[in-house]
Amino acid sequence: MGKRRDELKKLGHGKKGMGWVKDPKKAAYNKVYNKTTFGIILDIIGMILMTL
């Protein structure tokens, strides 16, 4: 049963990287967002820690 469930999940979500095919504008936005957001959060935390 688990194997069939996994196969059905794969059909619904597609393979990794399929976002570029389905919606390239959204995929490009998400790539930039995911690369920059974490860095900004670390910068803010670093500034707070430096002022202590």
PDB file of N, CA and C in Angstrom:
ATOM      1  N   MET A   1       0.827  -1.196   0.000  1.00  0.00           N
ATOM      2  CA  MET A   1       0.000   0.000   0.000  1.00  0.00           C
ATOM      3  C   MET A   1       0.870   1.257   0.000  1.00  0.00           C
ATOM      4  N   GLY A   2       1.960   1.229   0.749  1.00  0.00           N
ATOM      5  CA  GLY A   2       2.821   2.409   0.830  1.00  0.00           C
ATOM      6  C   GLY A   2       3.462   2.747  -0.495  1.00  0.00           C
ATOM      7  N   LYS A   3       3.827   1.725  -1.247  1.00  0.00           N
ATOM      8  CA  LYS A   3       4.467   1.950  -2.548  1.00  0.00           C
ATOM      9  C   LYS A   3       3.501   2.629  -3.508  1.00  0.00           C
ATOM     10  N   ARG A   4       2.259   2.186  -3.522  1.00  0.00           N
ATOM     11  CA  ARG A   4       1.250   2.805  -4.395  1.00  0.00           C
ATOM     12  C   ARG A   4       0.986   4.244  -3.996  1.00  0.00           C
ATOM     13  N   ARG A   5       0.946   4.487  -2.694  1.00  0.00           N
ATOM     14  CA  ARG A   5       0.710   5.849  -2.210  1.00  0.00           C
ATOM     15  C   ARG A   5       1.843   6.763  -2.662  1.00  0.00           C
ATOM     16  N   ASP A   6       3.076   6.274  -2.574  1.00  0.00           N
ATOM     17  CA  ASP A   6       4.229   7.066  -3.005  1.00  0.00           C
ATOM     18  C   ASP A   6       4.173   7.351  -4.502  1.00  0.00           C
ATOM     19  N   GLU A   7       3.743   6.369  -5.285  1.00  0.00           N
ATOM     20  CA  GLU A   7       3.627   6.575  -6.720  1.00  0.00           C
ATOM     21  C   GLU A   7       2.577   7.630  -7.040  1.00  0.00           C
ATOM     22  N   LEU A   8       1.471   7.613  -6.317  1.00  0.00           N
ATOM     23  CA  LEU A   8       0.430   8.614  -6.538  1.00  0.00           C
ATOM     24  C   LEU A   8       0.914  10.007  -6.157  1.00  0.00           C
ATOM     25  N   LYS A   9       1.687  10.102  -5.098  1.00  0.00           N
ATOM     26  CA  LYS A   9       2.231  11.397  -4.701  1.00  0.00           C
ATOM     27  C   LYS A   9       3.135  11.958  -5.784  1.00  0.00           C
ATOM     28  N   LYS A  10       3.971  11.094  -6.363  1.00  0.00           N
ATOM     29  CA  LYS A  10       4.889  11.536  -7.415  1.00  0.00           C
ATOM     30  C   LYS A  10       4.123  12.059  -8.626  1.00  0.00           C
ATOM     31  N   LEU A  11       3.009  11.422  -8.953  1.00  0.00           N
ATOM     32  CA  LEU A  11       2.215  11.873 -10.087  1.00  0.00           C
ATOM     33  C   LEU A  11       1.670  13.279  -9.857  1.00  0.00           C
ATOM     34  N   GLY A  12       1.258  13.560  -8.644  1.00  0.00           N
ATOM     35  CA  GLY A  12       0.667  14.857  -8.342  1.00  0.00           C
ATOM     36  C   GLY A  12       1.677  15.984  -8.276  1.00  0.00           C
ATOM     37  N   HIS A  13       2.877  15.705  -7.797  1.00  0.00           N
ATOM     38  CA  HIS A  13       3.853  16.759  -7.566  1.00  0.00           C
ATOM     39  C   HIS A  13       4.883  16.878  -8.669  1.00  0.00           C
ATOM     40  N   GLY A  14       5.140  15.831  -9.383  1.00  0.00           N
ATOM     41  CA  GLY A  14       6.139  15.863 -10.438  1.00  0.00           C
ATOM     42  C   GLY A  14       7.539  15.708  -9.880  1.00  0.00           C
ATOM     43  N   LYS A  15       8.509  15.801 -10.753  1.00  0.00           N
ATOM     44  CA  LYS A  15       9.900  15.626 -10.349  1.00  0.00           C
ATOM     45  C   LYS A  15      10.484  16.950  -9.880  1.00  0.00           C
ATOM     46  N   LYS A  16      11.608  16.855  -9.203  1.00  0.00           N
ATOM     47  CA  LYS A  16      12.301  18.043  -8.735  1.00  0.00           C
ATOM     48  C   LYS A  16      12.701  18.901  -9.943  1.00  0.00           C
ATOM     49  N   GLY A  17      12.473  20.196  -9.834  1.00  0.00           N
ATOM     50  CA  GLY A  17      12.834  21.099 -10.916  1.00  0.00           C
ATOM     51  C   GLY A  17      11.740  21.310 -11.948  1.00  0.00           C
ATOM     52  N   MET A  18      10.583  20.684 -11.765  1.00  0.00           N
ATOM     53  CA  MET A  18       9.497  20.824 -12.739  1.00  0.00           C
ATOM     54  C   MET A  18       8.830  22.189 -12.674  1.00  0.00           C
ATOM     55  N   GLY A  19       9.091  22.947 -11.628  1.00  0.00           N
ATOM     56  CA  GLY A  19       8.516  24.280 -11.522  1.00  0.00           C
ATOM     57  C   GLY A  19       8.945  25.187 -12.658  1.00  0.00           C
ATOM     58  N   TRP A  20      10.166  24.977 -13.160  1.00  0.00           N
ATOM     59  CA  TRP A  20      10.664  25.799 -14.271  1.00  0.00           C
ATOM     60  C   TRP A  20       9.846  25.542 -15.529  1.00  0.00           C
ATOM     61  N   VAL A  21       9.325  24.333 -15.664  1.00  0.00           N
ATOM     62  CA  VAL A  21       8.533  23.998 -16.845  1.00  0.00           C
ATOM     63  C   VAL A  21       7.104  24.503 -16.684  1.00  0.00           C
ATOM     64  N   LYS A  22       6.526  24.279 -15.505  1.00  0.00           N
ATOM     65  CA  LYS A  22       5.133  24.635 -15.284  1.00  0.00           C
ATOM     66  C   LYS A  22       4.929  26.144 -15.150  1.00  0.00           C
ATOM     67  N   ASP A  23       5.783  26.812 -14.374  1.00  0.00           N
ATOM     68  CA  ASP A  23       5.612  28.239 -14.118  1.00  0.00           C
ATOM     69  C   ASP A  23       6.981  28.891 -13.907  1.00  0.00           C
ATOM     70  N   PRO A  24       7.670  29.250 -14.996  1.00  0.00           N
ATOM     71  CA  PRO A  24       9.036  29.756 -14.881  1.00  0.00           C
ATOM     72  C   PRO A  24       9.143  31.064 -14.102  1.00  0.00           C
ATOM     73  N   LYS A  25       8.129  31.912 -14.189  1.00  0.00           N
ATOM     74  CA  LYS A  25       8.169  33.187 -13.464  1.00  0.00           C
ATOM     75  C   LYS A  25       8.169  32.950 -11.954  1.00  0.00           C
ATOM     76  N   LYS A  26       7.293  32.075 -11.506  1.00  0.00           N
ATOM     77  CA  LYS A  26       7.206  31.749 -10.079  1.00  0.00           C
ATOM     78  C   LYS A  26       8.472  31.037  -9.607  1.00  0.00           C
ATOM     79  N   ALA A  27       9.018  30.144 -10.438  1.00  0.00           N
ATOM     80  CA  ALA A  27      10.225  29.408 -10.075  1.00  0.00           C
ATOM     81  C   ALA A  27      11.407  30.360  -9.921  1.00  0.00           C
ATOM     82  N   ALA A  28      11.505  31.350 -10.807  1.00  0.00           N
ATOM     83  CA  ALA A  28      12.595  32.324 -10.726  1.00  0.00           C
ATOM     84  C   ALA A  28      12.462  33.162  -9.463  1.00  0.00           C
ATOM     85  N   TYR A  29      11.245  33.603  -9.147  1.00  0.00           N
ATOM     86  CA  TYR A  29      11.005  34.382  -7.933  1.00  0.00           C
ATOM     87  C   TYR A  29      11.393  33.578  -6.698  1.00  0.00           C
ATOM     88  N   ASN A  30      10.966  32.320  -6.640  1.00  0.00           N
ATOM     89  CA  ASN A  30      11.253  31.477  -5.477  1.00  0.00           C
ATOM     90  C   ASN A  30      12.747  31.237  -5.320  1.00  0.00           C
ATOM     91  N   LYS A  31      13.464  31.075  -6.416  1.00  0.00           N
ATOM     92  CA  LYS A  31      14.904  30.838  -6.338  1.00  0.00           C
ATOM     93  C   LYS A  31      15.606  32.052  -5.727  1.00  0.00           C
ATOM     94  N   VAL A  32      15.256  33.249  -6.195  1.00  0.00           N
ATOM     95  CA  VAL A  32      15.866  34.473  -5.657  1.00  0.00           C
ATOM     96  C   VAL A  32      15.469  34.658  -4.202  1.00  0.00           C
ATOM     97  N   TYR A  33      14.197  34.467  -3.892  1.00  0.00           N
ATOM     98  CA  TYR A  33      13.700  34.638  -2.527  1.00  0.00           C
ATOM     99  C   TYR A  33      14.412  33.702  -1.562  1.00  0.00           C
ATOM    100  N   ASN A  34      14.531  32.445  -1.941  1.00  0.00           N
ATOM    101  CA  ASN A  34      15.145  31.459  -1.052  1.00  0.00           C
ATOM    102  C   ASN A  34      16.638  31.700  -0.865  1.00  0.00           C
ATOM    103  N   LYS A  35      17.300  32.267  -1.862  1.00  0.00           N
ATOM    104  CA  LYS A  35      18.735  32.540  -1.731  1.00  0.00           C
ATOM    105  C   LYS A  35      19.003  33.777  -0.887  1.00  0.00           C
ATOM    106  N   THR A  36      18.099  34.760  -0.887  1.00  0.00           N
ATOM    107  CA  THR A  36      18.363  36.025  -0.196  1.00  0.00           C
ATOM    108  C   THR A  36      17.760  36.097   1.200  1.00  0.00           C
ATOM    109  N   THR A  37      16.647  35.464   1.431  1.00  0.00           N
ATOM    110  CA  THR A  37      15.943  35.612   2.702  1.00  0.00           C
ATOM    111  C   THR A  37      16.784  35.155   3.884  1.00  0.00           C
ATOM    112  N   PHE A  38      17.396  33.997   3.788  1.00  0.00           N
ATOM    113  CA  PHE A  38      18.160  33.455   4.903  1.00  0.00           C
ATOM    114  C   PHE A  38      19.337  34.366   5.239  1.00  0.00           C
ATOM    115  N   GLY A  39      19.987  34.912   4.213  1.00  0.00           N
ATOM    116  CA  GLY A  39      21.124  35.803   4.427  1.00  0.00           C
ATOM    117  C   GLY A  39      20.721  37.077   5.148  1.00  0.00           C
ATOM    118  N   ILE A  40      19.578  37.628   4.805  1.00  0.00           N
ATOM    119  CA  ILE A  40      19.096  38.854   5.445  1.00  0.00           C
ATOM    120  C   ILE A  40      18.807  38.589   6.918  1.00  0.00           C
ATOM    121  N   ILE A  41      18.194  37.459   7.214  1.00  0.00           N
ATOM    122  CA  ILE A  41      17.881  37.119   8.601  1.00  0.00           C
ATOM    123  C   ILE A  41      19.165  36.998   9.416  1.00  0.00           C
ATOM    124  N   LEU A  42      20.178  36.346   8.841  1.00  0.00           N
ATOM    125  CA  LEU A  42      21.453  36.220   9.550  1.00  0.00           C
ATOM    126  C   LEU A  42      22.106  37.584   9.770  1.00  0.00           C
ATOM    127  N   ASP A  43      21.999  38.482   8.794  1.00  0.00           N
ATOM    128  CA  ASP A  43      22.558  39.821   8.941  1.00  0.00           C
ATOM    129  C   ASP A  43      21.885  40.575  10.087  1.00  0.00           C
ATOM    130  N   ILE A  44      20.593  40.477  10.179  1.00  0.00           N
ATOM    131  CA  ILE A  44      19.857  41.164  11.247  1.00  0.00           C
ATOM    132  C   ILE A  44      20.257  40.602  12.608  1.00  0.00           C
ATOM    133  N   ILE A  45      20.324  39.276  12.709  1.00  0.00           N
ATOM    134  CA  ILE A  45      20.718  38.657  13.977  1.00  0.00           C
ATOM    135  C   ILE A  45      22.156  39.072  14.341  1.00  0.00           C
ATOM    136  N   GLY A  46      23.023  39.103  13.348  1.00  0.00           N
ATOM    137  CA  GLY A  46      24.405  39.509  13.584  1.00  0.00           C
ATOM    138  C   GLY A  46      24.500  40.942  14.084  1.00  0.00           C
ATOM    139  N   MET A  47      23.718  41.850  13.518  1.00  0.00           N
ATOM    140  CA  MET A  47      23.734  43.247  13.980  1.00  0.00           C
ATOM    141  C   MET A  47      23.237  43.366  15.406  1.00  0.00           C
ATOM    142  N   ILE A  48      22.204  42.602  15.737  1.00  0.00           N
ATOM    143  CA  ILE A  48      21.666  42.639  17.090  1.00  0.00           C
ATOM    144  C   ILE A  48      22.721  42.125  18.084  1.00  0.00           C
ATOM    145  N   LEU A  49      23.386  41.038  17.739  1.00  0.00           N
ATOM    146  CA  LEU A  49      24.382  40.475  18.631  1.00  0.00           C
ATOM    147  C   LEU A  49      25.586  41.393  18.788  1.00  0.00           C
ATOM    148  N   MET A  50      25.939  42.133  17.744  1.00  0.00           N
ATOM    149  CA  MET A  50      27.084  43.038  17.832  1.00  0.00           C
ATOM    150  C   MET A  50      26.811  44.230  18.741  1.00  0.00           C
ATOM    151  N   THR A  51      25.537  44.624  18.875  1.00  0.00           N
ATOM    152  CA  THR A  51      25.215  45.773  19.712  1.00  0.00           C
ATOM    153  C   THR A  51      25.145  45.401  21.180  1.00  0.00           C
ATOM    154  N   LEU A  52      25.108  44.128  21.505  1.00  0.00           N
ATOM    155  CA  LEU A  52      25.030  43.710  22.923  1.00  0.00           C
ATOM    156  C   LEU A  52      26.349  43.813  23.621  1.00  0.00           C
TER     157      LEU A  52
END
